[in-house]
Amino acid sequence: MSHEDKELDILLRGYQMLAPEQRADVNRRVIERARAYRTAALKALFHWLFGWVRRRAAVAQLRALDDRMLKDIGLNRGDIETAVRGSGNPAERRKAA
């Protein structure tokens, strides 16, 4: 929680005791924070969604390759999802198992 968020929290607890001008200022600041949080949430959502679409496209492209081509790049068909997610080297995990 940022310093400004803590300050707003304190002001909101005593909201009923604030003067009308102070209430208007608190209202404005709360709306600004809400807009900032909404913007950050939407940005994170679009970032996640764009990444998901890119991963799905990469999986589709790899699945379109034949087994020989997959072997040339060090993958088995069952390793495609893991390789696209970036969860380490699938070939090294197979050796360790």
C-alpha atoms as a PDB file:
ATOM      1  CA  MET A   1       0.000   0.000   0.000  1.00  0.00           C
ATOM      2  CA  SER A   2       1.463   3.357  -0.998  1.00  0.00           C
ATOM      3  CA  HIS A   3       1.771   6.353   1.289  1.00  0.00           C
ATOM      4  CA  GLU A   4      -1.069   8.074  -0.572  1.00  0.00           C
ATOM      5  CA  ASP A   5      -3.305   5.012  -0.184  1.00  0.00           C
ATOM      6  CA  LYS A   6      -2.621   4.939   3.572  1.00  0.00           C
ATOM      7  CA  GLU A   7      -3.391   8.643   3.827  1.00  0.00           C
ATOM      8  CA  LEU A   8      -6.671   8.197   1.954  1.00  0.00           C
ATOM      9  CA  ASP A   9      -7.574   5.259   4.173  1.00  0.00           C
ATOM     10  CA  ILE A  10      -7.127   7.414   7.268  1.00  0.00           C
ATOM     11  CA  LEU A  11      -9.177  10.231   5.759  1.00  0.00           C
ATOM     12  CA  LEU A  12     -11.966   7.833   4.770  1.00  0.00           C
ATOM     13  CA  ARG A  13     -12.217   6.496   8.321  1.00  0.00           C
ATOM     14  CA  GLY A  14     -13.019   9.984   9.561  1.00  0.00           C
ATOM     15  CA  TYR A  15     -15.000  10.981   6.469  1.00  0.00           C
ATOM     16  CA  GLN A  16     -18.131  12.004   8.400  1.00  0.00           C
ATOM     17  CA  MET A  17     -16.130  14.502  10.454  1.00  0.00           C
ATOM     18  CA  LEU A  18     -14.531  16.224   7.460  1.00  0.00           C
ATOM     19  CA  ALA A  19     -15.597  19.626   6.202  1.00  0.00           C
ATOM     20  CA  PRO A  20     -17.448  19.664   2.845  1.00  0.00           C
ATOM     21  CA  GLU A  21     -14.338  20.975   1.030  1.00  0.00           C
ATOM     22  CA  GLN A  22     -12.242  18.200   2.530  1.00  0.00           C
ATOM     23  CA  ARG A  23     -14.857  15.602   1.546  1.00  0.00           C
ATOM     24  CA  ALA A  24     -14.799  16.897  -2.031  1.00  0.00           C
ATOM     25  CA  ASP A  25     -11.005  16.615  -2.065  1.00  0.00           C
ATOM     26  CA  VAL A  26     -11.138  13.065  -0.663  1.00  0.00           C
ATOM     27  CA  ASN A  27     -13.789  12.111  -3.239  1.00  0.00           C
ATOM     28  CA  ARG A  28     -11.622  13.477  -6.049  1.00  0.00           C
ATOM     29  CA  ARG A  29      -8.541  11.618  -4.773  1.00  0.00           C
ATOM     30  CA  VAL A  30     -10.454   8.350  -4.373  1.00  0.00           C
ATOM     31  CA  ILE A  31     -11.744   8.622  -7.938  1.00  0.00           C
ATOM     32  CA  GLU A  32      -8.210   9.328  -9.215  1.00  0.00           C
ATOM     33  CA  ARG A  33      -6.861   6.252  -7.389  1.00  0.00           C
ATOM     34  CA  ALA A  34      -9.713   4.104  -8.684  1.00  0.00           C
ATOM     35  CA  ARG A  35      -8.967   5.224 -12.246  1.00  0.00           C
ATOM     36  CA  ALA A  36      -5.268   4.462 -11.762  1.00  0.00           C
ATOM     37  CA  TYR A  37      -6.034   0.977 -10.396  1.00  0.00           C
ATOM     38  CA  ARG A  38      -8.528   0.317 -13.210  1.00  0.00           C
ATOM     39  CA  THR A  39      -5.949   1.392 -15.797  1.00  0.00           C
ATOM     40  CA  ALA A  40      -3.321  -0.874 -14.244  1.00  0.00           C
ATOM     41  CA  ALA A  41      -5.758  -3.801 -14.110  1.00  0.00           C
ATOM     42  CA  LEU A  42      -6.778  -3.368 -17.751  1.00  0.00           C
ATOM     43  CA  LYS A  43      -3.152  -3.068 -18.805  1.00  0.00           C
ATOM     44  CA  ALA A  44      -2.298  -6.281 -16.948  1.00  0.00           C
ATOM     45  CA  LEU A  45      -5.313  -8.042 -18.475  1.00  0.00           C
ATOM     46  CA  PHE A  46      -4.382  -7.035 -22.028  1.00  0.00           C
ATOM     47  CA  HIS A  47      -0.750  -7.991 -21.396  1.00  0.00           C
ATOM     48  CA  TRP A  48      -1.845 -11.432 -20.165  1.00  0.00           C
ATOM     49  CA  LEU A  49      -4.311 -11.842 -23.041  1.00  0.00           C
ATOM     50  CA  PHE A  50      -1.732 -10.843 -25.660  1.00  0.00           C
ATOM     51  CA  GLY A  51       0.730 -13.335 -24.171  1.00  0.00           C
ATOM     52  CA  TRP A  52      -1.912 -16.069 -24.173  1.00  0.00           C
ATOM     53  CA  VAL A  53      -2.732 -15.438 -27.861  1.00  0.00           C
ATOM     54  CA  ARG A  54       0.974 -15.515 -28.751  1.00  0.00           C
ATOM     55  CA  ARG A  55       1.465 -18.793 -26.850  1.00  0.00           C
ATOM     56  CA  ARG A  56      -1.549 -20.371 -28.576  1.00  0.00           C
ATOM     57  CA  ALA A  57      -0.176 -19.318 -31.986  1.00  0.00           C
ATOM     58  CA  ALA A  58       3.248 -20.759 -31.125  1.00  0.00           C
ATOM     59  CA  VAL A  59       1.675 -24.054 -30.033  1.00  0.00           C
ATOM     60  CA  ALA A  60      -0.321 -24.218 -33.282  1.00  0.00           C
ATOM     61  CA  GLN A  61       2.793 -23.572 -35.349  1.00  0.00           C
ATOM     62  CA  LEU A  62       4.795 -26.242 -33.533  1.00  0.00           C
ATOM     63  CA  ARG A  63       1.972 -28.770 -33.781  1.00  0.00           C
ATOM     64  CA  ALA A  64       1.930 -28.197 -37.535  1.00  0.00           C
ATOM     65  CA  LEU A  65       5.535 -29.457 -37.771  1.00  0.00           C
ATOM     66  CA  ASP A  66       6.194 -33.139 -38.436  1.00  0.00           C
ATOM     67  CA  ASP A  67       7.975 -35.295 -35.858  1.00  0.00           C
ATOM     68  CA  ARG A  68      11.319 -35.119 -37.674  1.00  0.00           C
ATOM     69  CA  MET A  69      11.289 -31.324 -37.631  1.00  0.00           C
ATOM     70  CA  LEU A  70      10.343 -31.289 -33.954  1.00  0.00           C
ATOM     71  CA  LYS A  71      13.209 -33.674 -33.209  1.00  0.00           C
ATOM     72  CA  ASP A  72      15.590 -31.343 -35.077  1.00  0.00           C
ATOM     73  CA  ILE A  73      14.745 -28.552 -32.626  1.00  0.00           C
ATOM     74  CA  GLY A  74      14.897 -30.876 -29.622  1.00  0.00           C
ATOM     75  CA  LEU A  75      11.196 -31.384 -28.968  1.00  0.00           C
ATOM     76  CA  ASN A  76       8.765 -34.252 -28.812  1.00  0.00           C
ATOM     77  CA  ARG A  77       5.116 -33.673 -29.571  1.00  0.00           C
ATOM     78  CA  GLY A  78       4.310 -33.966 -25.854  1.00  0.00           C
ATOM     79  CA  ASP A  79       6.829 -31.233 -25.001  1.00  0.00           C
ATOM     80  CA  ILE A  80       5.236 -28.502 -27.094  1.00  0.00           C
ATOM     81  CA  GLU A  81       3.041 -26.958 -24.374  1.00  0.00           C
ATOM     82  CA  THR A  82       5.869 -27.004 -21.834  1.00  0.00           C
ATOM     83  CA  ALA A  83       8.369 -25.517 -24.283  1.00  0.00           C
ATOM     84  CA  VAL A  84       5.988 -22.706 -25.219  1.00  0.00           C
ATOM     85  CA  ARG A  85       5.236 -21.942 -21.563  1.00  0.00           C
ATOM     86  CA  GLY A  86       8.989 -21.690 -20.978  1.00  0.00           C
ATOM     87  CA  SER A  87       9.054 -24.096 -18.029  1.00  0.00           C
ATOM     88  CA  GLY A  88      12.635 -25.159 -18.662  1.00  0.00           C
ATOM     89  CA  ASN A  89      14.208 -27.449 -21.216  1.00  0.00           C
ATOM     90  CA  PRO A  90      11.911 -30.466 -21.874  1.00  0.00           C
ATOM     91  CA  ALA A  91      14.811 -32.641 -23.069  1.00  0.00           C
ATOM     92  CA  GLU A  92      16.710 -32.094 -19.812  1.00  0.00           C
ATOM     93  CA  ARG A  93      13.619 -32.991 -17.760  1.00  0.00           C
ATOM     94  CA  ARG A  94      13.202 -36.241 -19.736  1.00  0.00           C
ATOM     95  CA  LYS A  95      16.836 -37.180 -19.005  1.00  0.00           C
ATOM     96  CA  ALA A  96      16.362 -36.493 -15.293  1.00  0.00           C
ATOM     97  CA  ALA A  97      13.190 -38.608 -15.077  1.00  0.00           C
END
